[in-house]
Amino acid sequence: MAVASEPAPEVEVRRSKRRRRTVSAYRDGEKIVVLVPASLSRSEEAEWVEQMVARVQRSERTTPMTDAELMERGLVLNDRYLGGLAVPGSVRWVQNQKQRWGSCTPGDRTIRLSVRLQGMPGWVIDYVLVHELSHLIEPGHDAAFWGWVDRYPQAERAKGYLLGWSAASKVDPPPGQEVD
């Protein structure tokens, strides 16, 4: 996903002999502090620092993806999980979906995602995109369709997240799978 590059933040790495396996990071003013086990090699540390800085910056992003970024994300997911078979004509946010997370019109290859997804984790948005992209290959919700959707590694986790969100918000999920 092409996003305007952010300036590189000041990063402070703190190694701890008591920390065995976990790596964590947080913002402290203008810098990002990354806490790592002292046993990590310098190359492992560098990988973790890059990953954790990106995670902190993503969590701080307040503006949702634009329609263009959403389209680009859809193309990436299509290539990665659907073998390039589900090229959408357009992907965009819509405000009129109160019961569905997304919808797809295979005839004109348009995909629409509910603005209710904005602010949810990226892997959940990716799941809904893969779900809708899969309709460009298999229009119904049969076994072949779910075979395509389940190529996304976090499909089950995202389904659970959306079901939990619906339950917590006291919103009935749509019949079928709760995504369409």
C-alpha atoms as a PDB file:
ATOM      1  CA  MET A   1       0.000   0.000   0.000  1.00  0.00           C
ATOM      2  CA  ALA A   2       1.541   3.304  -1.000  1.00  0.00           C
ATOM      3  CA  VAL A   3       1.287   5.747   1.829  1.00  0.00           C
ATOM      4  CA  ALA A   4       3.087   9.057   2.070  1.00  0.00           C
ATOM      5  CA  SER A   5       6.335   8.232   3.811  1.00  0.00           C
ATOM      6  CA  GLU A   6       6.662   9.458   7.339  1.00  0.00           C
ATOM      7  CA  PRO A   7       9.888  11.013   8.561  1.00  0.00           C
ATOM      8  CA  ALA A   8      12.079   8.507  10.369  1.00  0.00           C
ATOM      9  CA  PRO A   9      11.413   8.878  14.094  1.00  0.00           C
ATOM     10  CA  GLU A  10      14.076   8.944  16.749  1.00  0.00           C
ATOM     11  CA  VAL A  11      14.340   5.391  18.107  1.00  0.00           C
ATOM     12  CA  GLU A  12      15.747   4.304  21.444  1.00  0.00           C
ATOM     13  CA  VAL A  13      16.474   0.597  21.909  1.00  0.00           C
ATOM     14  CA  ARG A  14      16.564  -0.698  25.447  1.00  0.00           C
ATOM     15  CA  ARG A  15      18.057  -4.164  25.987  1.00  0.00           C
ATOM     16  CA  SER A  16      17.082  -6.092  29.090  1.00  0.00           C
ATOM     17  CA  LYS A  17      18.664  -9.229  30.548  1.00  0.00           C
ATOM     18  CA  ARG A  18      15.396  -9.954  32.365  1.00  0.00           C
ATOM     19  CA  ARG A  19      13.363  -9.831  29.146  1.00  0.00           C
ATOM     20  CA  ARG A  20      13.511 -13.311  27.581  1.00  0.00           C
ATOM     21  CA  ARG A  21      11.213 -13.478  24.552  1.00  0.00           C
ATOM     22  CA  THR A  22       8.969 -10.473  24.245  1.00  0.00           C
ATOM     23  CA  VAL A  23       9.595  -7.345  22.245  1.00  0.00           C
ATOM     24  CA  SER A  24       7.487  -4.249  22.772  1.00  0.00           C
ATOM     25  CA  ALA A  25       7.474  -0.615  21.728  1.00  0.00           C
ATOM     26  CA  TYR A  26       5.790   2.611  22.684  1.00  0.00           C
ATOM     27  CA  ARG A  27       5.883   6.320  21.908  1.00  0.00           C
ATOM     28  CA  ASP A  28       7.682   8.541  24.411  1.00  0.00           C
ATOM     29  CA  GLY A  29       7.340  12.113  23.224  1.00  0.00           C
ATOM     30  CA  GLU A  30       9.110  12.443  19.881  1.00  0.00           C
ATOM     31  CA  LYS A  31      10.853   9.081  20.047  1.00  0.00           C
ATOM     32  CA  ILE A  32       9.798   5.468  19.885  1.00  0.00           C
ATOM     33  CA  VAL A  33      11.220   3.214  22.592  1.00  0.00           C
ATOM     34  CA  VAL A  34      11.732  -0.438  21.647  1.00  0.00           C
ATOM     35  CA  LEU A  35      12.298  -2.945  24.448  1.00  0.00           C
ATOM     36  CA  VAL A  36      14.172  -6.116  23.408  1.00  0.00           C
ATOM     37  CA  PRO A  37      15.821  -9.095  25.131  1.00  0.00           C
ATOM     38  CA  ALA A  38      19.574  -8.644  25.597  1.00  0.00           C
ATOM     39  CA  SER A  39      20.101 -12.044  23.953  1.00  0.00           C
ATOM     40  CA  LEU A  40      19.037 -10.840  20.486  1.00  0.00           C
ATOM     41  CA  SER A  41      21.731 -10.544  17.834  1.00  0.00           C
ATOM     42  CA  ARG A  42      22.218  -7.128  16.212  1.00  0.00           C
ATOM     43  CA  SER A  43      20.506  -8.312  13.014  1.00  0.00           C
ATOM     44  CA  GLU A  44      17.528  -9.710  14.979  1.00  0.00           C
ATOM     45  CA  GLU A  45      17.355  -6.445  16.884  1.00  0.00           C
ATOM     46  CA  ALA A  46      17.345  -4.444  13.643  1.00  0.00           C
ATOM     47  CA  GLU A  47      14.491  -6.563  12.248  1.00  0.00           C
ATOM     48  CA  TRP A  48      12.445  -6.188  15.422  1.00  0.00           C
ATOM     49  CA  VAL A  49      13.078  -2.435  15.627  1.00  0.00           C
ATOM     50  CA  GLU A  50      11.880  -1.944  12.050  1.00  0.00           C
ATOM     51  CA  GLN A  51       8.784  -4.060  12.684  1.00  0.00           C
ATOM     52  CA  MET A  52       7.897  -2.410  16.001  1.00  0.00           C
ATOM     53  CA  VAL A  53       8.443   1.155  14.746  1.00  0.00           C
ATOM     54  CA  ALA A  54       6.113   0.401  11.822  1.00  0.00           C
ATOM     55  CA  ARG A  55       3.541  -1.035  14.245  1.00  0.00           C
ATOM     56  CA  VAL A  56       3.616   2.071  16.466  1.00  0.00           C
ATOM     57  CA  GLN A  57       3.348   4.374  13.438  1.00  0.00           C
ATOM     58  CA  ARG A  58       0.423   2.354  12.027  1.00  0.00           C
ATOM     59  CA  SER A  59      -1.393   2.519  15.338  1.00  0.00           C
ATOM     60  CA  GLU A  60      -0.997   6.292  15.373  1.00  0.00           C
ATOM     61  CA  ARG A  61      -2.354   6.776  11.870  1.00  0.00           C
ATOM     62  CA  THR A  62      -5.667   8.549  12.227  1.00  0.00           C
ATOM     63  CA  THR A  63      -6.648   8.991   8.604  1.00  0.00           C
ATOM     64  CA  PRO A  64      -8.237   6.002   6.900  1.00  0.00           C
ATOM     65  CA  MET A  65      -6.976   4.684   3.598  1.00  0.00           C
ATOM     66  CA  THR A  66      -8.175   6.651   0.613  1.00  0.00           C
ATOM     67  CA  ASP A  67     -10.178   4.916  -2.108  1.00  0.00           C
ATOM     68  CA  ALA A  68      -7.001   4.843  -4.220  1.00  0.00           C
ATOM     69  CA  GLU A  69      -5.060   3.184  -1.392  1.00  0.00           C
ATOM     70  CA  LEU A  70      -7.929   0.745  -0.886  1.00  0.00           C
ATOM     71  CA  MET A  71      -7.825  -0.145  -4.597  1.00  0.00           C
ATOM     72  CA  GLU A  72      -4.063  -0.618  -4.427  1.00  0.00           C
ATOM     73  CA  ARG A  73      -4.446  -2.825  -1.358  1.00  0.00           C
ATOM     74  CA  GLY A  74      -7.055  -4.898  -3.189  1.00  0.00           C
ATOM     75  CA  LEU A  75      -4.668  -5.432  -6.103  1.00  0.00           C
ATOM     76  CA  VAL A  76      -1.885  -6.543  -3.754  1.00  0.00           C
ATOM     77  CA  LEU A  77      -4.187  -8.979  -1.942  1.00  0.00           C
ATOM     78  CA  ASN A  78      -5.500 -10.310  -5.259  1.00  0.00           C
ATOM     79  CA  ASP A  79      -1.962 -11.074  -6.404  1.00  0.00           C
ATOM     80  CA  ARG A  80      -0.881 -12.542  -3.072  1.00  0.00           C
ATOM     81  CA  TYR A  81      -3.874 -14.766  -2.243  1.00  0.00           C
ATOM     82  CA  LEU A  82      -5.987 -15.165  -5.381  1.00  0.00           C
ATOM     83  CA  GLY A  83      -3.340 -15.633  -8.043  1.00  0.00           C
ATOM     84  CA  GLY A  84      -4.263 -12.392  -9.824  1.00  0.00           C
ATOM     85  CA  LEU A  85      -7.637 -13.824 -10.909  1.00  0.00           C
ATOM     86  CA  ALA A  86      -9.829 -11.214  -9.197  1.00  0.00           C
ATOM     87  CA  VAL A  87      -8.862  -7.795 -10.593  1.00  0.00           C
ATOM     88  CA  PRO A  88     -11.428  -5.274  -9.390  1.00  0.00           C
ATOM     89  CA  GLY A  89     -12.676  -2.392 -11.514  1.00  0.00           C
ATOM     90  CA  SER A  90     -12.906  -0.197  -8.425  1.00  0.00           C
ATOM     91  CA  VAL A  91     -12.683  -0.440  -4.654  1.00  0.00           C
ATOM     92  CA  ARG A  92     -14.098   2.326  -2.492  1.00  0.00           C
ATOM     93  CA  TRP A  93     -15.534   3.228   0.891  1.00  0.00           C
ATOM     94  CA  VAL A  94     -19.283   3.752   1.189  1.00  0.00           C
ATOM     95  CA  GLN A  95     -21.441   5.108   3.987  1.00  0.00           C
ATOM     96  CA  ASN A  96     -24.730   3.437   3.107  1.00  0.00           C
ATOM     97  CA  GLN A  97     -23.866  -0.086   4.316  1.00  0.00           C
ATOM     98  CA  LYS A  98     -25.241  -0.465   7.817  1.00  0.00           C
ATOM     99  CA  GLN A  99     -25.724  -4.246   7.799  1.00  0.00           C
ATOM    100  CA  ARG A 100     -22.893  -5.384   5.538  1.00  0.00           C
ATOM    101  CA  TRP A 101     -19.144  -5.043   5.840  1.00  0.00           C
ATOM    102  CA  GLY A 102     -18.705  -5.017   2.107  1.00  0.00           C
ATOM    103  CA  SER A 103     -20.358  -5.786  -1.195  1.00  0.00           C
ATOM    104  CA  CYS A 104     -19.308  -6.759  -4.675  1.00  0.00           C
ATOM    105  CA  THR A 105     -20.969  -6.437  -8.072  1.00  0.00           C
ATOM    106  CA  PRO A 106     -19.209  -9.007 -10.275  1.00  0.00           C
ATOM    107  CA  GLY A 107     -20.770  -7.588 -13.469  1.00  0.00           C
ATOM    108  CA  ASP A 108     -18.870  -4.308 -13.278  1.00  0.00           C
ATOM    109  CA  ARG A 109     -16.226  -5.632 -10.855  1.00  0.00           C
ATOM    110  CA  THR A 110     -16.932  -2.971  -8.209  1.00  0.00           C
ATOM    111  CA  ILE A 111     -16.198  -3.536  -4.539  1.00  0.00           C
ATOM    112  CA  ARG A 112     -17.561  -1.336  -1.792  1.00  0.00           C
ATOM    113  CA  LEU A 113     -16.482  -1.458   1.857  1.00  0.00           C
ATOM    114  CA  SER A 114     -18.472  -0.003   4.719  1.00  0.00           C
ATOM    115  CA  VAL A 115     -16.884   2.980   6.431  1.00  0.00           C
ATOM    116  CA  ARG A 116     -17.612   1.073   9.678  1.00  0.00           C
ATOM    117  CA  LEU A 117     -14.400  -0.860   8.899  1.00  0.00           C
ATOM    118  CA  GLN A 118     -12.285   2.283   9.149  1.00  0.00           C
ATOM    119  CA  GLY A 119     -10.342   2.181  12.371  1.00  0.00           C
ATOM    120  CA  MET A 120     -10.400  -1.618  12.533  1.00  0.00           C
ATOM    121  CA  PRO A 121      -7.093  -3.484  12.273  1.00  0.00           C
ATOM    122  CA  GLY A 122      -5.631  -3.715   8.788  1.00  0.00           C
ATOM    123  CA  TRP A 123      -5.825  -7.519   8.779  1.00  0.00           C
ATOM    124  CA  VAL A 124      -9.605  -7.284   9.264  1.00  0.00           C
ATOM    125  CA  ILE A 125      -9.973  -4.839   6.354  1.00  0.00           C
ATOM    126  CA  ASP A 126      -7.734  -7.131   4.295  1.00  0.00           C
ATOM    127  CA  TYR A 127     -10.014 -10.073   5.106  1.00  0.00           C
ATOM    128  CA  VAL A 128     -13.116  -8.209   3.939  1.00  0.00           C
ATOM    129  CA  LEU A 129     -11.267  -7.211   0.770  1.00  0.00           C
ATOM    130  CA  VAL A 130     -10.251 -10.822   0.090  1.00  0.00           C
ATOM    131  CA  HIS A 131     -13.841 -11.913   0.764  1.00  0.00           C
ATOM    132  CA  GLU A 132     -15.213  -9.426  -1.749  1.00  0.00           C
ATOM    133  CA  LEU A 133     -12.452 -10.109  -4.279  1.00  0.00           C
ATOM    134  CA  SER A 134     -13.321 -13.802  -4.068  1.00  0.00           C
ATOM    135  CA  HIS A 135     -16.820 -12.940  -5.327  1.00  0.00           C
ATOM    136  CA  LEU A 136     -15.168 -11.903  -8.606  1.00  0.00           C
ATOM    137  CA  ILE A 137     -14.135 -15.562  -8.991  1.00  0.00           C
ATOM    138  CA  GLU A 138     -17.113 -17.296  -7.319  1.00  0.00           C
ATOM    139  CA  PRO A 139     -20.257 -15.159  -6.978  1.00  0.00           C
ATOM    140  CA  GLY A 140     -22.048 -17.277  -4.333  1.00  0.00           C
ATOM    141  CA  HIS A 141     -21.092 -18.504  -0.874  1.00  0.00           C
ATOM    142  CA  ASP A 142     -20.481 -22.130  -1.823  1.00  0.00           C
ATOM    143  CA  ALA A 143     -17.527 -24.333  -0.868  1.00  0.00           C
ATOM    144  CA  ALA A 144     -15.475 -23.127  -3.845  1.00  0.00           C
ATOM    145  CA  PHE A 145     -15.954 -19.513  -2.740  1.00  0.00           C
ATOM    146  CA  TRP A 146     -14.843 -20.271   0.840  1.00  0.00           C
ATOM    147  CA  GLY A 147     -11.837 -22.124  -0.570  1.00  0.00           C
ATOM    148  CA  TRP A 148     -10.694 -18.853  -2.128  1.00  0.00           C
ATOM    149  CA  VAL A 149     -11.437 -16.775   0.981  1.00  0.00           C
ATOM    150  CA  ASP A 150      -9.611 -19.204   3.244  1.00  0.00           C
ATOM    151  CA  ARG A 151      -6.386 -18.626   1.331  1.00  0.00           C
ATOM    152  CA  TYR A 152      -6.112 -15.501   3.461  1.00  0.00           C
ATOM    153  CA  PRO A 153      -4.160 -16.741   6.527  1.00  0.00           C
ATOM    154  CA  GLN A 154      -6.067 -14.637   9.056  1.00  0.00           C
ATOM    155  CA  ALA A 155      -9.543 -15.406   7.692  1.00  0.00           C
ATOM    156  CA  GLU A 156     -10.826 -17.251  10.767  1.00  0.00           C
ATOM    157  CA  ARG A 157      -9.373 -14.669  13.137  1.00  0.00           C
ATOM    158  CA  ALA A 158     -10.980 -11.820  11.162  1.00  0.00           C
ATOM    159  CA  LYS A 159     -14.361 -13.597  11.038  1.00  0.00           C
ATOM    160  CA  GLY A 160     -14.208 -13.909  14.815  1.00  0.00           C
ATOM    161  CA  TYR A 161     -13.234 -10.261  15.191  1.00  0.00           C
ATOM    162  CA  LEU A 162     -16.175  -9.104  13.066  1.00  0.00           C
ATOM    163  CA  LEU A 163     -18.613 -11.381  14.887  1.00  0.00           C
ATOM    164  CA  GLY A 164     -17.330 -10.081  18.230  1.00  0.00           C
ATOM    165  CA  TRP A 165     -17.585  -6.483  17.066  1.00  0.00           C
ATOM    166  CA  SER A 166     -21.153  -7.085  15.905  1.00  0.00           C
ATOM    167  CA  ALA A 167     -22.100  -8.688  19.223  1.00  0.00           C
ATOM    168  CA  ALA A 168     -20.472  -5.931  21.282  1.00  0.00           C
ATOM    169  CA  SER A 169     -22.190  -3.273  19.186  1.00  0.00           C
ATOM    170  CA  LYS A 170     -25.515  -5.119  19.357  1.00  0.00           C
ATOM    171  CA  VAL A 171     -25.670  -5.154  15.558  1.00  0.00           C
ATOM    172  CA  ASP A 172     -27.053  -8.244  13.890  1.00  0.00           C
ATOM    173  CA  PRO A 173     -24.529  -9.546  11.399  1.00  0.00           C
ATOM    174  CA  PRO A 174     -25.920 -10.266   7.948  1.00  0.00           C
ATOM    175  CA  PRO A 175     -27.126 -13.808   7.336  1.00  0.00           C
ATOM    176  CA  GLY A 176     -24.686 -16.160   5.642  1.00  0.00           C
ATOM    177  CA  GLN A 177     -21.253 -15.182   6.807  1.00  0.00           C
ATOM    178  CA  GLU A 178     -21.583 -11.816   8.418  1.00  0.00           C
ATOM    179  CA  VAL A 179     -19.294 -10.152   5.870  1.00  0.00           C
ATOM    180  CA  ASP A 180     -21.464  -9.637   2.803  1.00  0.00           C
END
